[in-house]
Amino acid sequence: MKTHYEVLGVGQGAPLEEIKSAYKARIREVHPDVFQGAAEEATERAIELNGAYAVLSDPEKRALYDRMLFSPAQAQLQQKPPSPPPQDPMRYWNEWVAQGDKWLGPDPEFAKETQKHQVGPDVDDDSSLRGTGAVILFVLGVIYVLGRFVFLALKQFFGS
């Protein structure tokens, strides 16, 4: 496998101007008007040149590339630690529903499912829909109370 330096034909300590000129010269060689080979070969070569130039022309990317290229063990130590797994956004809601409330009472089956999925629900698992009955009942109750309030207010307003 070629390094980016070998792709562009420059040395490791080459300044940015030398990298730019080497890139321009090599990219001209694979231009469709100049290249004598197959179009796929020219495309692959141009992609390789563009990738090498993108890394070597950016000082931060080049420094990281040099560290990884010439000291792989050190590069692994300097990489960011893996991020923690994402939290389930419905975790607190599920805990609250599993505890129940004074009107509906706790739902022990939903509590078991919630404990089983503390890390997060599986994508193909439909148990995350458990406990939605309590939510639906609550929403319907709120709609009923609001509808009753509006009905009584309209009845009083029109005086019938």
C-alpha atoms as a PDB file:
ATOM      1  CA  MET A   1       0.000   0.000   0.000  1.00  0.00           C
ATOM      2  CA  LYS A   2       1.382   3.384  -0.998  1.00  0.00           C
ATOM      3  CA  THR A   3       1.613   6.267   1.409  1.00  0.00           C
ATOM      4  CA  HIS A   4       0.191   9.655   0.483  1.00  0.00           C
ATOM      5  CA  TYR A   5       3.749  10.894   0.055  1.00  0.00           C
ATOM      6  CA  GLU A   6       4.476   8.132  -2.476  1.00  0.00           C
ATOM      7  CA  VAL A   7       1.223   8.843  -4.341  1.00  0.00           C
ATOM      8  CA  LEU A   8       2.242  12.470  -4.859  1.00  0.00           C
ATOM      9  CA  GLY A   9       5.923  11.654  -5.304  1.00  0.00           C
ATOM     10  CA  VAL A  10       7.222  13.941  -2.542  1.00  0.00           C
ATOM     11  CA  GLY A  11       9.263  13.382   0.588  1.00  0.00           C
ATOM     12  CA  GLN A  12       7.865  13.384   4.119  1.00  0.00           C
ATOM     13  CA  GLY A  13       9.306  16.809   4.937  1.00  0.00           C
ATOM     14  CA  ALA A  14       8.092  18.459   1.708  1.00  0.00           C
ATOM     15  CA  PRO A  15       6.727  22.009   2.105  1.00  0.00           C
ATOM     16  CA  LEU A  16       3.162  22.848   1.067  1.00  0.00           C
ATOM     17  CA  GLU A  17       4.290  24.531  -2.181  1.00  0.00           C
ATOM     18  CA  GLU A  18       6.072  21.361  -3.315  1.00  0.00           C
ATOM     19  CA  ILE A  19       3.010  19.271  -2.448  1.00  0.00           C
ATOM     20  CA  LYS A  20       0.760  21.633  -4.451  1.00  0.00           C
ATOM     21  CA  SER A  21       2.998  21.574  -7.506  1.00  0.00           C
ATOM     22  CA  ALA A  22       3.377  17.769  -7.363  1.00  0.00           C
ATOM     23  CA  TYR A  23      -0.402  17.406  -7.064  1.00  0.00           C
ATOM     24  CA  LYS A  24      -1.058  19.712 -10.028  1.00  0.00           C
ATOM     25  CA  ALA A  25       1.498  17.885 -12.184  1.00  0.00           C
ATOM     26  CA  ARG A  26       0.154  14.422 -11.312  1.00  0.00           C
ATOM     27  CA  ILE A  27      -3.507  15.380 -11.666  1.00  0.00           C
ATOM     28  CA  ARG A  28      -2.774  16.767 -15.156  1.00  0.00           C
ATOM     29  CA  GLU A  29      -1.358  13.354 -16.109  1.00  0.00           C
ATOM     30  CA  VAL A  30      -4.696  11.644 -15.357  1.00  0.00           C
ATOM     31  CA  HIS A  31      -6.894  14.326 -16.926  1.00  0.00           C
ATOM     32  CA  PRO A  32      -9.331  12.744 -19.435  1.00  0.00           C
ATOM     33  CA  ASP A  33      -7.956  14.880 -22.299  1.00  0.00           C
ATOM     34  CA  VAL A  34      -4.372  13.729 -21.639  1.00  0.00           C
ATOM     35  CA  PHE A  35      -4.626  10.224 -20.168  1.00  0.00           C
ATOM     36  CA  GLN A  36      -4.160   7.411 -22.713  1.00  0.00           C
ATOM     37  CA  GLY A  37      -5.423   4.483 -20.595  1.00  0.00           C
ATOM     38  CA  ALA A  38      -8.860   3.317 -19.489  1.00  0.00           C
ATOM     39  CA  ALA A  39     -11.252   5.848 -17.983  1.00  0.00           C
ATOM     40  CA  GLU A  40     -11.708   3.728 -14.835  1.00  0.00           C
ATOM     41  CA  GLU A  41      -7.970   3.721 -14.225  1.00  0.00           C
ATOM     42  CA  ALA A  42      -7.825   7.512 -14.602  1.00  0.00           C
ATOM     43  CA  THR A  43     -10.746   7.920 -12.209  1.00  0.00           C
ATOM     44  CA  GLU A  44      -9.168   5.663  -9.586  1.00  0.00           C
ATOM     45  CA  ARG A  45      -5.849   7.466  -9.893  1.00  0.00           C
ATOM     46  CA  ALA A  46      -7.543  10.897  -9.610  1.00  0.00           C
ATOM     47  CA  ILE A  47      -9.411   9.779  -6.491  1.00  0.00           C
ATOM     48  CA  GLU A  48      -6.148   8.534  -4.994  1.00  0.00           C
ATOM     49  CA  LEU A  49      -4.404  11.838  -5.801  1.00  0.00           C
ATOM     50  CA  ASN A  50      -7.271  13.935  -4.415  1.00  0.00           C
ATOM     51  CA  GLY A  51      -7.293  11.930  -1.186  1.00  0.00           C
ATOM     52  CA  ALA A  52      -3.545  12.280  -0.733  1.00  0.00           C
ATOM     53  CA  TYR A  53      -3.648  16.013  -1.444  1.00  0.00           C
ATOM     54  CA  ALA A  54      -6.604  16.551   0.912  1.00  0.00           C
ATOM     55  CA  VAL A  55      -4.616  15.014   3.771  1.00  0.00           C
ATOM     56  CA  LEU A  56      -1.195  16.506   3.047  1.00  0.00           C
ATOM     57  CA  SER A  57      -2.423  20.039   2.310  1.00  0.00           C
ATOM     58  CA  ASP A  58      -4.157  20.406   5.700  1.00  0.00           C
ATOM     59  CA  PRO A  59      -1.585  20.822   8.515  1.00  0.00           C
ATOM     60  CA  GLU A  60      -3.763  19.145  11.171  1.00  0.00           C
ATOM     61  CA  LYS A  61      -4.643  16.166   8.988  1.00  0.00           C
ATOM     62  CA  ARG A  62      -1.032  15.854   7.875  1.00  0.00           C
ATOM     63  CA  ALA A  63       0.259  15.825  11.453  1.00  0.00           C
ATOM     64  CA  LEU A  64      -2.266  13.157  12.423  1.00  0.00           C
ATOM     65  CA  TYR A  65      -1.421  11.139   9.308  1.00  0.00           C
ATOM     66  CA  ASP A  66       2.311  11.321  10.068  1.00  0.00           C
ATOM     67  CA  ARG A  67       1.708  10.146  13.637  1.00  0.00           C
ATOM     68  CA  MET A  68      -0.416   7.223  12.463  1.00  0.00           C
ATOM     69  CA  LEU A  69       1.940   6.364   9.626  1.00  0.00           C
ATOM     70  CA  PHE A  70       5.188   6.406  11.556  1.00  0.00           C
ATOM     71  CA  SER A  71       3.979   5.476  15.057  1.00  0.00           C
ATOM     72  CA  PRO A  72       0.766   3.425  15.001  1.00  0.00           C
ATOM     73  CA  ALA A  73       0.928   2.514  18.697  1.00  0.00           C
ATOM     74  CA  GLN A  74       1.287   6.140  19.747  1.00  0.00           C
ATOM     75  CA  ALA A  75      -1.518   7.191  17.396  1.00  0.00           C
ATOM     76  CA  GLN A  76      -3.887   4.733  19.062  1.00  0.00           C
ATOM     77  CA  LEU A  77      -3.071   6.180  22.471  1.00  0.00           C
ATOM     78  CA  GLN A  78      -3.767   9.729  21.308  1.00  0.00           C
ATOM     79  CA  GLN A  79      -7.148   8.956  19.776  1.00  0.00           C
ATOM     80  CA  LYS A  80     -10.281   9.969  21.639  1.00  0.00           C
ATOM     81  CA  PRO A  81     -11.753   7.357  23.956  1.00  0.00           C
ATOM     82  CA  PRO A  82     -14.950   5.787  22.688  1.00  0.00           C
ATOM     83  CA  SER A  83     -18.050   7.724  23.604  1.00  0.00           C
ATOM     84  CA  PRO A  84     -20.457   6.128  26.080  1.00  0.00           C
ATOM     85  CA  PRO A  85     -23.513   4.409  24.645  1.00  0.00           C
ATOM     86  CA  PRO A  86     -26.429   6.759  24.074  1.00  0.00           C
ATOM     87  CA  GLN A  87     -28.985   6.962  26.842  1.00  0.00           C
ATOM     88  CA  ASP A  88     -32.550   5.934  26.175  1.00  0.00           C
ATOM     89  CA  PRO A  89     -34.477   9.238  25.973  1.00  0.00           C
ATOM     90  CA  MET A  90     -37.597   7.495  27.260  1.00  0.00           C
ATOM     91  CA  ARG A  91     -35.837   6.109  30.351  1.00  0.00           C
ATOM     92  CA  TYR A  92     -37.353   8.502  32.898  1.00  0.00           C
ATOM     93  CA  TRP A  93     -40.783   8.307  31.317  1.00  0.00           C
ATOM     94  CA  ASN A  94     -40.674   4.499  31.410  1.00  0.00           C
ATOM     95  CA  GLU A  95     -39.622   4.525  35.061  1.00  0.00           C
ATOM     96  CA  TRP A  96     -42.475   6.871  35.941  1.00  0.00           C
ATOM     97  CA  VAL A  97     -45.052   4.766  34.087  1.00  0.00           C
ATOM     98  CA  ALA A  98     -43.688   1.574  35.641  1.00  0.00           C
ATOM     99  CA  GLN A  99     -44.126   3.057  39.121  1.00  0.00           C
ATOM    100  CA  GLY A 100     -47.750   3.819  38.321  1.00  0.00           C
ATOM    101  CA  ASP A 101     -49.841   6.533  39.872  1.00  0.00           C
ATOM    102  CA  LYS A 102     -52.578   6.753  42.499  1.00  0.00           C
ATOM    103  CA  TRP A 103     -55.433   6.293  39.996  1.00  0.00           C
ATOM    104  CA  LEU A 104     -54.146   3.590  37.695  1.00  0.00           C
ATOM    105  CA  GLY A 105     -51.769   1.727  39.992  1.00  0.00           C
ATOM    106  CA  PRO A 106     -48.390   0.204  39.047  1.00  0.00           C
ATOM    107  CA  ASP A 107     -47.959  -1.990  35.987  1.00  0.00           C
ATOM    108  CA  PRO A 108     -45.679  -4.834  37.159  1.00  0.00           C
ATOM    109  CA  GLU A 109     -45.300  -6.338  33.687  1.00  0.00           C
ATOM    110  CA  PHE A 110     -44.161  -3.007  32.264  1.00  0.00           C
ATOM    111  CA  ALA A 111     -41.795  -2.581  35.228  1.00  0.00           C
ATOM    112  CA  LYS A 112     -40.157  -5.920  34.381  1.00  0.00           C
ATOM    113  CA  GLU A 113     -39.786  -4.936  30.727  1.00  0.00           C
ATOM    114  CA  THR A 114     -38.290  -1.569  31.715  1.00  0.00           C
ATOM    115  CA  GLN A 115     -35.713  -3.233  33.974  1.00  0.00           C
ATOM    116  CA  LYS A 116     -34.829  -5.693  31.215  1.00  0.00           C
ATOM    117  CA  HIS A 117     -34.114  -2.805  28.818  1.00  0.00           C
ATOM    118  CA  GLN A 118     -32.068  -0.515  31.082  1.00  0.00           C
ATOM    119  CA  VAL A 119     -29.374  -0.119  28.387  1.00  0.00           C
ATOM    120  CA  GLY A 120     -31.986   0.698  25.755  1.00  0.00           C
ATOM    121  CA  PRO A 121     -34.721  -1.061  23.843  1.00  0.00           C
ATOM    122  CA  ASP A 122     -33.918  -3.334  20.930  1.00  0.00           C
ATOM    123  CA  VAL A 123     -34.867  -2.040  17.513  1.00  0.00           C
ATOM    124  CA  ASP A 124     -37.008  -5.063  16.678  1.00  0.00           C
ATOM    125  CA  ASP A 125     -38.616  -5.296  20.120  1.00  0.00           C
ATOM    126  CA  ASP A 126     -42.181  -4.001  20.386  1.00  0.00           C
ATOM    127  CA  SER A 127     -42.245  -4.103  24.196  1.00  0.00           C
ATOM    128  CA  SER A 128     -41.533  -0.364  24.251  1.00  0.00           C
ATOM    129  CA  LEU A 129     -45.251   0.067  23.489  1.00  0.00           C
ATOM    130  CA  ARG A 130     -46.235  -1.411  26.855  1.00  0.00           C
ATOM    131  CA  GLY A 131     -47.601   1.119  29.284  1.00  0.00           C
ATOM    132  CA  THR A 132     -48.985   3.306  26.531  1.00  0.00           C
ATOM    133  CA  GLY A 133     -52.463   2.335  27.714  1.00  0.00           C
ATOM    134  CA  ALA A 134     -51.942   4.455  30.819  1.00  0.00           C
ATOM    135  CA  VAL A 135     -50.825   7.364  28.680  1.00  0.00           C
ATOM    136  CA  ILE A 136     -53.807   6.996  26.354  1.00  0.00           C
ATOM    137  CA  LEU A 137     -56.201   6.882  29.311  1.00  0.00           C
ATOM    138  CA  PHE A 138     -54.625  10.000  30.735  1.00  0.00           C
ATOM    139  CA  VAL A 139     -54.884  11.889  27.442  1.00  0.00           C
ATOM    140  CA  LEU A 140     -58.489  10.794  26.963  1.00  0.00           C
ATOM    141  CA  GLY A 141     -59.284  11.938  30.514  1.00  0.00           C
ATOM    142  CA  VAL A 142     -57.787  15.359  29.849  1.00  0.00           C
ATOM    143  CA  ILE A 143     -59.747  15.655  26.594  1.00  0.00           C
ATOM    144  CA  TYR A 144     -62.957  14.665  28.379  1.00  0.00           C
ATOM    145  CA  VAL A 145     -62.453  17.200  31.164  1.00  0.00           C
ATOM    146  CA  LEU A 146     -61.614  19.983  28.706  1.00  0.00           C
ATOM    147  CA  GLY A 147     -64.581  19.062  26.500  1.00  0.00           C
ATOM    148  CA  ARG A 148     -66.914  19.024  29.492  1.00  0.00           C
ATOM    149  CA  PHE A 149     -65.593  22.431  30.589  1.00  0.00           C
ATOM    150  CA  VAL A 150     -66.123  23.929  27.145  1.00  0.00           C
ATOM    151  CA  PHE A 151     -69.597  22.388  26.925  1.00  0.00           C
ATOM    152  CA  LEU A 152     -70.648  23.840  30.277  1.00  0.00           C
ATOM    153  CA  ALA A 153     -69.184  27.235  29.418  1.00  0.00           C
ATOM    154  CA  LEU A 154     -71.056  27.336  26.096  1.00  0.00           C
ATOM    155  CA  LYS A 155     -74.257  26.160  27.771  1.00  0.00           C
ATOM    156  CA  GLN A 156     -74.015  28.922  30.341  1.00  0.00           C
ATOM    157  CA  PHE A 157     -73.103  31.534  27.696  1.00  0.00           C
ATOM    158  CA  PHE A 158     -76.060  30.743  25.437  1.00  0.00           C
ATOM    159  CA  GLY A 159     -78.348  30.196  28.449  1.00  0.00           C
ATOM    160  CA  SER A 160     -80.135  27.043  27.441  1.00  0.00           C
END
